[in-house]
Amino acid sequence: MRVHPWLVLVSVLLGATAIEGAPPEPSIDDTRVDITASTRVAVHVYAQVGDLSTDDERIALGVAKKVFATASVDVAWTLCVPGICVTPSSEALKLRIVVSPDRGELNAGVLGHALIDSRAHAGVLATVFLDRTERLAHDLGIDHRVLLGRAIAHELGHLLLGTSTHGAGLMREIWSHDELLDERRSDWELGALDASAIRHRLARRRS
């Protein structure tokens, strides 16, 4: 997805504050989460960055998991630390959390991408750039873990849909600064058509 600074960007002044212990977990509205989600998908996570803490990774993956749970899809994460995922399952999707190769302003608005085979309408590898999500979250004064989780869900959505085209809600192509600040729930959920298409594709894959 791309981030676009539409309309007026609100300036936020942040003070330096000493924080003891782990940061508070973000408040995510999960009143519509389907805890009995029956369609399961396995995802292997390769976090190739040293400055992403275990707690922040867990929270970000939890945000992404809740996105799919609202569409009755249960994501099962496997954290591929050394010694794990030595022989990864061919059925599992792969997620990389990495630092962008340029570390500059080139394509800084692109938070991630998904590798899709347009002929087979299938994909297995999604990538999210940690440094770009951190920079954007810092600039807007929003919770980086939530932004990272939503970026993860967006790119995995492409893999599950088997297409690089964009849709509604979370799967829209451009996330404006105003949308990132406003926190409208419909902006961060899968649209009904995308949710239905993902469930249908997963069911067909298992049949």
Protein backbone atom coordinates (compact mmCIF):
# COMPACT_ATOMS: atom_id res chain seq x y z
CA MET A 1 0.00 0.00 0.00
CA ARG A 2 1.01 3.60 -0.44
CA VAL A 3 0.68 6.42 2.05
CA HIS A 4 -0.47 9.78 0.76
CA PRO A 5 -0.44 13.02 2.83
CA TRP A 6 -3.89 14.17 1.73
CA LEU A 7 -5.51 17.31 3.14
CA VAL A 8 -4.25 18.86 6.35
CA LEU A 9 -1.65 17.06 8.41
CA VAL A 10 -2.16 17.73 12.10
CA SER A 11 1.03 18.63 13.94
CA VAL A 12 1.60 16.74 17.16
CA LEU A 13 4.10 17.95 19.76
CA LEU A 14 5.65 15.13 21.73
CA GLY A 15 7.55 15.52 24.97
CA ALA A 16 10.35 13.27 26.18
CA THR A 17 8.90 11.01 28.85
CA ALA A 18 10.59 8.26 30.81
CA ILE A 19 8.64 5.01 30.52
CA GLU A 20 9.26 2.11 32.84
CA GLY A 21 8.52 -1.41 31.70
CA ALA A 22 6.75 -2.41 28.48
CA PRO A 23 4.63 0.16 26.64
CA PRO A 24 0.86 -0.23 27.02
CA GLU A 25 -0.85 -2.40 24.46
CA PRO A 26 -2.91 -0.45 21.92
CA SER A 27 -6.64 -0.23 22.41
CA ILE A 28 -8.12 -2.10 19.44
CA ASP A 29 -11.87 -2.41 19.07
CA ASP A 30 -12.45 -6.15 18.89
CA THR A 31 -16.21 -6.16 19.50
CA ARG A 32 -16.72 -7.59 16.02
CA VAL A 33 -13.96 -10.20 16.20
CA ASP A 34 -15.24 -13.69 15.43
CA ILE A 35 -13.40 -15.83 17.96
CA THR A 36 -14.83 -18.97 16.34
CA ALA A 37 -13.18 -18.24 12.98
CA SER A 38 -13.16 -21.58 11.18
CA THR A 39 -11.01 -20.90 8.11
CA ARG A 40 -7.35 -21.23 9.08
CA VAL A 41 -4.21 -20.08 7.29
CA ALA A 42 -0.60 -20.69 8.34
CA VAL A 43 1.95 -17.88 8.07
CA HIS A 44 5.70 -18.18 8.70
CA VAL A 45 7.19 -14.93 9.99
CA TYR A 46 10.80 -13.96 9.27
CA ALA A 47 11.67 -10.80 11.24
CA GLN A 48 15.06 -9.86 9.80
CA VAL A 49 15.52 -6.77 11.97
CA GLY A 50 17.26 -6.33 15.27
CA ASP A 51 15.31 -3.38 16.61
CA LEU A 52 11.86 -5.00 16.66
CA SER A 53 11.24 -6.24 20.18
CA THR A 54 9.48 -9.51 20.87
CA ASP A 55 6.59 -7.68 22.56
CA ASP A 56 6.15 -5.21 19.69
CA GLU A 57 6.22 -8.03 17.16
CA ARG A 58 3.62 -9.94 19.16
CA ILE A 59 1.33 -6.92 19.37
CA ALA A 60 1.67 -6.11 15.65
CA LEU A 61 0.87 -9.70 14.70
CA GLY A 62 -2.08 -9.57 17.09
CA VAL A 63 -3.44 -6.51 15.28
CA ALA A 64 -3.13 -8.31 11.93
CA LYS A 65 -4.75 -11.44 13.35
CA LYS A 66 -7.77 -9.44 14.55
CA VAL A 67 -8.19 -7.93 11.08
CA PHE A 68 -8.59 -11.40 9.60
CA ALA A 69 -10.69 -12.66 12.51
CA THR A 70 -13.37 -10.10 11.61
CA ALA A 71 -13.55 -11.92 8.26
CA SER A 72 -13.73 -15.35 10.01
CA VAL A 73 -10.18 -16.23 9.00
CA ASP A 74 -7.84 -17.53 11.70
CA VAL A 75 -4.15 -16.78 11.11
CA ALA A 76 -1.68 -19.16 12.77
CA TRP A 77 1.75 -17.54 13.11
CA THR A 78 5.04 -19.44 13.25
CA LEU A 79 7.96 -17.24 14.29
CA CYS A 80 10.92 -18.47 12.26
CA VAL A 81 13.80 -17.89 14.65
CA PRO A 82 17.05 -19.88 14.10
CA GLY A 83 16.31 -23.59 14.24
CA ILE A 84 12.61 -23.12 13.40
CA CYS A 85 11.14 -23.40 9.87
CA VAL A 86 14.18 -25.33 8.66
CA THR A 87 11.83 -27.12 6.25
CA PRO A 88 8.94 -24.68 5.85
CA SER A 89 5.56 -26.01 4.83
CA SER A 90 4.71 -25.45 1.18
CA GLU A 91 1.18 -24.54 2.29
CA ALA A 92 2.29 -21.74 4.60
CA LEU A 93 2.47 -18.13 3.49
CA LYS A 94 5.72 -16.31 4.18
CA LEU A 95 6.02 -12.85 5.76
CA ARG A 96 9.27 -10.88 5.92
CA ILE A 97 9.66 -7.88 8.23
CA VAL A 98 12.78 -6.11 6.99
CA VAL A 99 14.51 -2.74 6.63
CA SER A 100 13.96 -1.12 3.24
CA PRO A 101 16.93 -1.54 0.89
CA ASP A 102 17.38 2.17 0.20
CA ARG A 103 16.89 3.56 3.75
CA GLY A 104 16.25 6.90 2.08
CA GLU A 105 13.28 8.83 0.77
CA LEU A 106 12.98 6.81 -2.45
CA ASN A 107 9.60 5.03 -2.32
CA ALA A 108 9.34 6.00 1.35
CA GLY A 109 5.55 6.02 1.07
CA VAL A 110 5.45 2.33 0.13
CA LEU A 111 5.18 0.35 3.37
CA GLY A 112 5.41 -3.11 1.84
CA HIS A 113 4.70 -5.34 -1.12
CA ALA A 114 3.47 -8.82 -1.99
CA LEU A 115 4.95 -11.13 -4.60
CA ILE A 116 2.07 -12.32 -6.78
CA ASP A 117 2.10 -14.71 -9.74
CA SER A 118 -0.40 -12.96 -12.01
CA ARG A 119 -0.90 -16.06 -14.19
CA ALA A 120 -1.53 -18.47 -11.33
CA HIS A 121 -3.33 -15.82 -9.25
CA ALA A 122 -1.33 -16.91 -6.23
CA GLY A 123 1.35 -15.55 -3.94
CA VAL A 124 3.38 -16.86 -1.03
CA LEU A 125 5.72 -14.01 0.04
CA ALA A 126 4.78 -10.67 1.62
CA THR A 127 7.29 -8.03 2.75
CA VAL A 128 6.78 -5.11 5.15
CA PHE A 129 9.41 -2.42 5.76
CA LEU A 130 9.92 -1.78 9.45
CA ASP A 131 11.85 1.48 9.06
CA ARG A 132 9.15 3.05 6.88
CA THR A 133 6.32 2.11 9.24
CA GLU A 134 8.36 3.40 12.20
CA ARG A 135 9.08 6.71 10.47
CA LEU A 136 5.47 7.27 9.44
CA ALA A 137 4.11 6.37 12.88
CA HIS A 138 6.61 8.72 14.52
CA ASP A 139 5.74 11.58 12.15
CA LEU A 140 2.00 11.19 12.82
CA GLY A 141 2.27 10.42 16.53
CA ILE A 142 0.42 7.11 16.21
CA ASP A 143 1.16 3.65 17.61
CA HIS A 144 3.77 2.03 15.42
CA ARG A 145 2.69 -1.49 16.37
CA VAL A 146 -0.83 -0.86 15.10
CA LEU A 147 0.44 0.59 11.82
CA LEU A 148 2.85 -2.33 11.38
CA GLY A 149 0.07 -4.83 12.05
CA ARG A 150 -2.21 -3.21 9.51
CA ALA A 151 0.55 -3.12 6.90
CA ILE A 152 1.15 -6.82 7.54
CA ALA A 153 -2.56 -7.58 7.14
CA HIS A 154 -2.72 -5.59 3.89
CA GLU A 155 0.17 -7.45 2.26
CA LEU A 156 -1.05 -10.85 3.46
CA GLY A 157 -4.45 -9.87 2.06
CA HIS A 158 -2.86 -9.63 -1.39
CA LEU A 159 -1.44 -13.14 -0.99
CA LEU A 160 -4.77 -14.55 0.14
CA LEU A 161 -6.64 -12.81 -2.68
CA GLY A 162 -4.01 -13.83 -5.23
CA THR A 163 -3.95 -10.42 -6.83
CA SER A 164 -2.01 -7.16 -6.71
CA THR A 165 -5.13 -5.10 -7.38
CA HIS A 166 -6.66 -3.09 -4.55
CA GLY A 167 -10.12 -3.03 -3.04
CA ALA A 168 -12.02 -1.30 -0.25
CA GLY A 169 -11.29 -0.82 3.43
CA LEU A 170 -7.89 -2.12 4.49
CA MET A 171 -7.13 -3.24 0.94
CA ARG A 172 -7.35 0.25 -0.61
CA GLU A 173 -4.16 1.38 -2.33
CA ILE A 174 -3.65 4.75 -0.62
CA TRP A 175 -3.76 5.40 3.11
CA SER A 176 -3.99 9.13 3.65
CA HIS A 177 -2.61 10.82 6.75
CA ASP A 178 -6.13 11.89 7.69
CA GLU A 179 -7.33 8.28 7.56
CA LEU A 180 -4.39 7.14 9.68
CA LEU A 181 -5.24 9.77 12.27
CA ASP A 182 -9.05 9.41 12.22
CA GLU A 183 -9.16 5.69 13.10
CA ARG A 184 -12.45 4.90 11.34
CA ARG A 185 -13.03 1.19 11.92
CA SER A 186 -14.23 0.56 8.35
CA ASP A 187 -10.88 1.85 7.04
CA TRP A 188 -8.99 -0.95 8.83
CA GLU A 189 -11.18 -3.97 8.18
CA LEU A 190 -11.40 -6.14 5.08
CA GLY A 191 -14.27 -5.15 2.83
CA ALA A 192 -17.12 -7.68 2.56
CA LEU A 193 -16.19 -8.70 -0.99
CA ASP A 194 -12.52 -9.20 -0.11
CA ALA A 195 -13.37 -11.18 3.03
CA SER A 196 -15.73 -13.44 1.08
CA ALA A 197 -13.17 -13.95 -1.71
CA ILE A 198 -10.46 -14.92 0.79
CA ARG A 199 -12.70 -17.47 2.52
CA HIS A 200 -13.73 -18.91 -0.85
CA ARG A 201 -10.14 -19.26 -2.04
CA LEU A 202 -9.04 -20.91 1.22
CA ALA A 203 -11.96 -23.34 1.07
CA ARG A 204 -11.09 -24.26 -2.53
CA ARG A 205 -7.46 -24.80 -1.61
CA ARG A 206 -8.49 -27.31 1.04
CA SER A 207 -10.99 -29.20 -1.14
